[in-house]
Amino acid sequence: MTVKPLKKDEWAVVLDFLAKGHSGMQRSEPVAQVIGDRYFSLLEVIVREDGNLKTEQRVYIGDGKRSEVKYIRKRMDYADLTTSAKDELPDIVGKIVSKKPKTFIRFFNMSGPVTTRLHQLELLPGIGKRHLWSIIGERKRKEFESFEDLKKRVPLLPNPEKLIVRRILCELEDKDKYRIFVPRWEKKV
């Protein structure tokens, strides 16, 4: 059996910053809950003593020298997030999606079947067979260039950016067995 390499984010966005840490920690140190801006990894990071992070701040978490983050403490599940982090999550995921429209437009242009009866596009909330065939028909004529182009050519389609955000949130909350945007990671037992 081959093991896929773990997909790692280089940059993350702060969901919540706890200057004194939280109750589950053995010693008090500044900690932040962050979300990766590429693979949407939920992580808890230990912040340097002089660090004071703000919500929505972008921080480097890659393998190189980090200025704000001392180290990554652990991967997290949605349930492990603080209430404040959960409140910020939809807005921050929305901003990540809006900053990388080409990545998500490529999904509309390249998505394919999951099974013989289910297409990847149908995994987006609000996409049924009628929207599916409308999107496929339009992309056969010409690939979509932007969210605006998609909205214009598939008029009954709800806001595609919001559909993607809702799907990412669904995957982060582990509500569906299929994954499109958030890779599944192996949990240590």
Protein backbone atom coordinates (compact mmCIF):
# COMPACT_ATOMS: atom_id res chain seq x y z
CA MET A 1 0.00 0.00 0.00
CA THR A 2 1.40 3.40 -0.96
CA VAL A 3 1.03 6.28 1.43
CA LYS A 4 0.15 9.65 -0.10
CA PRO A 5 2.35 12.48 1.11
CA LEU A 6 0.54 14.81 3.49
CA LYS A 7 -0.58 18.00 1.76
CA LYS A 8 0.85 20.89 3.74
CA ASP A 9 -0.14 24.52 3.69
CA GLU A 10 2.59 27.15 3.50
CA TRP A 11 0.38 30.01 4.71
CA ALA A 12 -2.55 30.18 7.10
CA VAL A 13 -5.12 32.69 8.27
CA VAL A 14 -5.73 33.27 11.98
CA LEU A 15 -9.19 32.24 13.19
CA ASP A 16 -8.60 32.91 16.89
CA PHE A 17 -5.65 34.04 19.06
CA LEU A 18 -5.41 33.08 22.72
CA ALA A 19 -2.64 35.09 24.39
CA LYS A 20 -2.53 32.85 27.48
CA GLY A 21 -3.37 29.57 25.73
CA HIS A 22 -6.35 27.43 26.69
CA SER A 23 -7.32 25.05 29.49
CA GLY A 24 -6.14 21.91 27.67
CA MET A 25 -2.52 23.07 27.66
CA GLN A 26 0.05 21.99 30.28
CA ARG A 27 1.72 25.40 30.37
CA SER A 28 0.46 28.83 29.50
CA GLU A 29 1.77 30.10 26.16
CA PRO A 30 0.27 32.10 23.30
CA VAL A 31 -1.62 29.91 20.84
CA ALA A 32 -3.59 30.53 17.66
CA GLN A 33 -6.11 28.47 15.75
CA VAL A 34 -5.52 28.88 12.02
CA ILE A 35 -6.78 27.59 8.68
CA GLY A 36 -4.45 26.88 5.77
CA ASP A 37 -5.11 29.02 2.73
CA ARG A 38 -4.61 26.22 0.18
CA TYR A 39 -5.69 22.88 1.68
CA PHE A 40 -7.88 24.35 4.45
CA SER A 41 -5.97 22.53 7.21
CA LEU A 42 -7.23 23.40 10.69
CA LEU A 43 -4.18 23.78 12.91
CA GLU A 44 -3.25 24.92 16.38
CA VAL A 45 0.04 26.82 16.37
CA ILE A 46 2.22 28.07 19.20
CA VAL A 47 2.99 31.74 18.71
CA ARG A 48 6.32 33.36 19.58
CA GLU A 49 6.30 35.11 22.98
CA ASP A 50 6.47 38.58 21.42
CA GLY A 51 3.73 37.72 18.92
CA ASN A 52 0.27 39.23 19.07
CA LEU A 53 -1.76 37.90 16.15
CA LYS A 54 -5.03 39.35 14.92
CA THR A 55 -8.01 37.51 13.48
CA GLU A 56 -7.75 37.29 9.65
CA GLN A 57 -3.97 37.88 9.78
CA ARG A 58 -2.03 35.76 7.27
CA VAL A 59 0.94 33.93 8.82
CA TYR A 60 3.67 31.72 7.38
CA ILE A 61 3.54 28.12 8.63
CA GLY A 62 5.76 26.44 6.01
CA ASP A 63 9.03 24.60 6.57
CA GLY A 64 11.18 27.74 6.29
CA LYS A 65 11.94 30.35 8.96
CA ARG A 66 8.73 31.55 10.60
CA SER A 67 8.52 35.01 12.09
CA GLU A 68 5.25 34.78 14.07
CA VAL A 69 4.80 31.03 14.62
CA LYS A 70 7.13 29.01 16.85
CA TYR A 71 5.75 25.60 15.82
CA ILE A 72 2.60 23.77 14.79
CA ARG A 73 1.19 22.08 17.88
CA LYS A 74 -1.39 19.84 16.20
CA ARG A 75 -3.95 19.31 13.47
CA MET A 76 -7.48 19.95 14.63
CA ASP A 77 -10.99 18.81 13.87
CA TYR A 78 -13.80 21.32 13.46
CA ALA A 79 -15.16 20.29 16.87
CA ASP A 80 -11.86 21.37 18.53
CA LEU A 81 -12.20 24.99 17.38
CA THR A 82 -13.14 27.69 19.85
CA THR A 83 -16.55 29.31 19.50
CA SER A 84 -14.87 32.45 18.21
CA ALA A 85 -12.91 30.48 15.58
CA LYS A 86 -16.11 28.74 14.43
CA ASP A 87 -17.81 32.14 14.10
CA GLU A 88 -14.95 33.52 11.98
CA LEU A 89 -14.57 30.42 9.79
CA PRO A 90 -17.28 31.08 7.13
CA ASP A 91 -16.13 34.65 6.54
CA ILE A 92 -12.44 33.70 6.34
CA VAL A 93 -13.10 30.74 4.01
CA GLY A 94 -15.14 33.13 1.84
CA LYS A 95 -12.20 35.54 1.63
CA ILE A 96 -9.79 32.71 0.75
CA VAL A 97 -12.14 31.57 -2.05
CA SER A 98 -12.55 35.11 -3.41
CA LYS A 99 -8.75 35.63 -3.48
CA LYS A 100 -8.18 32.46 -5.55
CA PRO A 101 -11.02 32.44 -8.09
CA LYS A 102 -9.02 30.62 -10.80
CA THR A 103 -8.57 27.58 -8.55
CA PHE A 104 -12.30 27.23 -8.01
CA ILE A 105 -13.34 28.14 -11.58
CA ARG A 106 -11.01 25.31 -12.69
CA PHE A 107 -13.19 23.01 -10.56
CA PHE A 108 -16.29 24.04 -12.54
CA ASN A 109 -14.38 23.51 -15.80
CA MET A 110 -12.68 20.19 -14.96
CA SER A 111 -14.93 18.34 -12.48
CA GLY A 112 -16.05 14.85 -13.39
CA PRO A 113 -18.10 11.94 -12.12
CA VAL A 114 -17.61 10.53 -8.62
CA THR A 115 -19.67 7.41 -9.33
CA THR A 116 -21.86 6.31 -12.24
CA ARG A 117 -24.77 8.17 -10.61
CA LEU A 118 -23.04 11.13 -8.94
CA HIS A 119 -21.04 14.03 -10.40
CA GLN A 120 -18.63 16.21 -8.40
CA LEU A 121 -20.72 19.28 -9.20
CA GLU A 122 -23.69 17.66 -7.43
CA LEU A 123 -21.67 17.66 -4.21
CA LEU A 124 -22.06 21.45 -4.10
CA PRO A 125 -25.12 22.42 -2.03
CA GLY A 126 -27.96 23.53 -4.31
CA ILE A 127 -26.69 21.81 -7.48
CA GLY A 128 -29.12 19.26 -8.87
CA LYS A 129 -29.40 17.53 -12.23
CA ARG A 130 -30.78 20.62 -14.01
CA HIS A 131 -27.89 22.85 -12.86
CA LEU A 132 -25.41 20.03 -13.54
CA TRP A 133 -26.42 19.63 -17.18
CA SER A 134 -26.62 23.39 -17.68
CA ILE A 135 -23.05 23.83 -16.36
CA ILE A 136 -21.70 20.89 -18.40
CA GLY A 137 -23.40 22.18 -21.56
CA GLU A 138 -21.97 25.67 -21.14
CA ARG A 139 -18.43 24.48 -20.35
CA LYS A 140 -18.46 22.27 -23.50
CA ARG A 141 -19.09 25.39 -25.57
CA LYS A 142 -16.37 27.39 -23.79
CA GLU A 143 -14.60 27.09 -20.45
CA PHE A 144 -15.70 29.48 -17.72
CA GLU A 145 -13.30 32.38 -17.15
CA SER A 146 -14.61 33.83 -13.88
CA PHE A 147 -17.41 33.58 -11.36
CA GLU A 148 -19.17 36.43 -13.18
CA ASP A 149 -18.92 34.52 -16.48
CA LEU A 150 -20.35 31.42 -14.76
CA LYS A 151 -23.26 33.40 -13.24
CA LYS A 152 -24.02 35.05 -16.59
CA ARG A 153 -23.97 31.82 -18.64
CA VAL A 154 -25.85 29.68 -16.08
CA PRO A 155 -28.49 32.21 -14.95
CA LEU A 156 -30.44 30.05 -12.47
CA LEU A 157 -27.28 29.05 -10.61
CA PRO A 158 -27.13 30.43 -7.06
CA ASN A 159 -23.98 32.34 -6.11
CA PRO A 160 -21.15 29.88 -7.06
CA GLU A 161 -18.68 31.36 -4.56
CA LYS A 162 -21.10 30.78 -1.69
CA LEU A 163 -21.73 27.22 -2.90
CA ILE A 164 -18.00 26.52 -2.73
CA VAL A 165 -17.70 28.09 0.74
CA ARG A 166 -20.63 25.98 1.98
CA ARG A 167 -19.04 22.84 0.52
CA ILE A 168 -15.66 23.59 2.17
CA LEU A 169 -17.40 24.13 5.52
CA CYS A 170 -19.28 20.84 5.06
CA GLU A 171 -15.98 19.05 4.43
CA LEU A 172 -14.30 20.71 7.42
CA GLU A 173 -17.17 19.55 9.61
CA ASP A 174 -16.76 16.04 8.09
CA LYS A 175 -20.45 15.84 7.12
CA ASP A 176 -19.90 13.92 3.87
CA LYS A 177 -17.72 10.98 2.85
CA TYR A 178 -16.68 12.67 -0.41
CA ARG A 179 -14.01 15.35 -0.48
CA ILE A 180 -13.38 17.94 -3.20
CA PHE A 181 -11.46 20.79 -1.59
CA VAL A 182 -10.29 19.59 1.86
CA PRO A 183 -8.01 16.53 1.81
CA ARG A 184 -8.71 13.88 4.41
CA TRP A 185 -5.84 13.32 6.82
CA GLU A 186 -5.07 10.17 8.74
CA LYS A 187 -5.70 10.47 12.44
CA LYS A 188 -3.24 8.79 14.78
CA VAL A 189 -4.88 6.28 17.08
